[in-house]
Protein backbone atom coordinates (compact mmCIF):
# COMPACT_ATOMS: atom_id res chain seq x y z
CA UNK A 1 0.88 110.61 58.65
CA UNK A 2 2.77 110.83 55.24
CA UNK A 3 5.13 113.38 56.78
CA UNK A 4 5.95 111.02 59.66
CA UNK A 5 6.74 108.25 57.24
CA UNK A 6 9.14 110.46 55.33
CA UNK A 7 10.80 111.37 58.60
CA UNK A 8 11.30 107.74 59.48
CA UNK A 9 12.76 106.95 56.05
CA UNK A 10 15.13 109.93 56.36
CA UNK A 11 16.23 108.90 59.84
CA UNK A 12 16.84 105.39 58.61
CA UNK A 13 18.96 106.66 55.76
CA UNK A 14 21.04 108.72 58.22
CA UNK A 15 21.54 105.71 60.44
CA UNK A 16 22.74 103.63 57.46
CA UNK A 17 25.20 106.37 56.40
CA UNK A 18 26.55 106.64 59.98
CA UNK A 19 27.09 102.89 60.20
CA UNK A 20 29.02 102.75 56.94
CA UNK A 21 31.50 105.57 57.71
CA UNK A 22 35.08 104.41 57.94
CA UNK A 23 38.28 105.90 59.20
CA UNK A 24 40.31 106.26 62.30
CA UNK A 25 38.40 105.31 65.42
CA UNK A 26 35.37 104.28 63.35
CA UNK A 27 35.43 100.62 64.18
CA UNK A 28 37.03 99.68 60.90
CA UNK A 29 40.46 98.75 62.27
CA UNK A 30 43.02 98.15 59.62
CA UNK A 31 40.91 99.24 56.66
CA UNK A 32 43.46 101.85 55.57
CA UNK A 33 40.72 104.26 54.65
CA UNK A 34 42.58 107.11 56.43
CA UNK A 35 46.22 108.01 55.95
CA UNK A 36 48.49 106.67 58.73
CA UNK A 37 49.52 109.14 61.34
CA UNK A 38 53.06 108.45 62.75
CA UNK A 39 54.40 110.37 65.69
CA UNK A 40 57.18 112.92 65.04
CA UNK A 41 60.48 111.27 64.26
CA UNK A 42 59.15 107.96 63.01
CA UNK A 43 58.18 106.78 59.57
CA UNK A 44 54.87 105.09 59.04
CA UNK A 45 56.59 101.64 58.88
CA UNK A 46 58.61 102.35 62.02
CA UNK A 47 55.50 103.52 63.88
CA UNK A 48 53.52 100.42 62.81
CA UNK A 49 56.28 98.11 64.03
CA UNK A 50 56.71 100.02 67.24
CA UNK A 51 53.00 99.97 67.97
CA UNK A 52 52.96 96.19 67.43
CA UNK A 53 55.92 95.80 69.80
CA UNK A 54 54.30 97.94 72.48
CA UNK A 55 51.01 96.04 72.12
CA UNK A 56 52.78 92.71 72.37
CA UNK A 57 54.75 93.86 75.44
CA UNK A 58 51.58 95.08 77.07
CA UNK A 59 49.86 91.76 76.36
CA UNK A 60 52.81 89.75 77.72
CA UNK A 61 53.41 91.64 80.94
CA UNK A 62 50.27 93.63 81.81
CA UNK A 63 46.96 92.38 80.55
CA UNK A 64 45.35 90.24 77.84
CA UNK A 65 44.02 92.08 74.88
CA UNK A 66 42.22 89.17 73.33
CA UNK A 67 41.98 87.83 69.80
CA UNK A 68 39.59 90.62 68.77
CA UNK A 69 42.55 93.06 68.74
CA UNK A 70 44.74 90.75 66.69
CA UNK A 71 46.70 89.24 69.61
CA UNK A 72 46.76 85.81 71.12
CA UNK A 73 44.86 85.41 74.39
CA UNK A 74 47.62 85.05 76.94
CA UNK A 75 45.60 84.87 80.17
CA UNK A 76 45.86 87.25 83.04
CA UNK A 77 43.77 90.27 83.71
CA UNK A 78 41.90 91.90 80.82
CA UNK A 79 43.45 95.03 79.36
CA UNK A 80 41.93 98.27 80.54
CA UNK A 81 39.83 100.31 78.10
CA UNK A 82 42.57 102.94 77.40
CA UNK A 83 44.98 100.21 76.38
CA UNK A 84 42.46 98.54 74.16
CA UNK A 85 41.63 101.94 72.47
CA UNK A 86 45.38 102.58 72.00
CA UNK A 87 45.82 99.23 70.33
CA UNK A 88 42.79 99.86 68.13
CA UNK A 89 44.25 103.27 67.19
CA UNK A 90 47.44 101.49 66.17
CA UNK A 91 45.46 99.09 64.00
CA UNK A 92 43.67 102.04 62.44
CA UNK A 93 47.04 103.62 61.57
CA UNK A 94 46.66 106.35 64.16
CA UNK A 95 50.05 105.61 65.68
CA UNK A 96 50.51 109.16 67.11
CA UNK A 97 47.50 108.49 69.42
CA UNK A 98 48.26 104.86 70.26
CA UNK A 99 51.99 104.91 71.00
CA UNK A 100 52.05 107.41 73.89
CA UNK A 101 49.16 105.69 75.69
CA UNK A 102 50.81 102.25 75.41
CA UNK A 103 54.10 103.70 76.65
CA UNK A 104 52.31 105.20 79.60
CA UNK A 105 50.41 102.03 80.39
CA UNK A 106 53.71 100.05 80.45
CA UNK A 107 55.47 102.60 82.66
CA UNK A 108 52.44 102.66 85.02
CA UNK A 109 52.76 98.91 85.39
CA UNK A 110 56.55 99.12 85.91
CA UNK A 111 57.32 97.41 82.67
CA UNK A 112 60.38 98.54 80.71
CA UNK A 113 59.18 100.41 77.69
CA UNK A 114 60.87 99.14 74.54
CA UNK A 115 62.88 101.95 72.84
CA UNK A 116 61.45 103.35 69.59
CA UNK A 117 63.21 102.32 66.36
CA UNK A 118 66.02 104.57 65.13
CA UNK A 119 67.28 105.47 61.71
């Protein structure tokens, strides 16, 4: 019985460690615990601004993303899962993963994709 108790304690410790991990995609949006990943040709600041623009455009013309993703609730259909994950990636600083998905979602819904920043 003592061995089983030790196993339960070890399993509990692993669960706690897993729940406290941070980083991109780890549910800790905006913590900055991982370095930001901009797509090629954009600086981190440009990628962050562009991600925000794409997310706001999506929320305005396609679907509501809700306050939990840092946006005002604007009504309409809820955003699909891929769009919500892309917005969360942007919030985590993983712009290289979020930007192309948001661009695709806008194109799929026949919304003009804002151009990326230049220079």
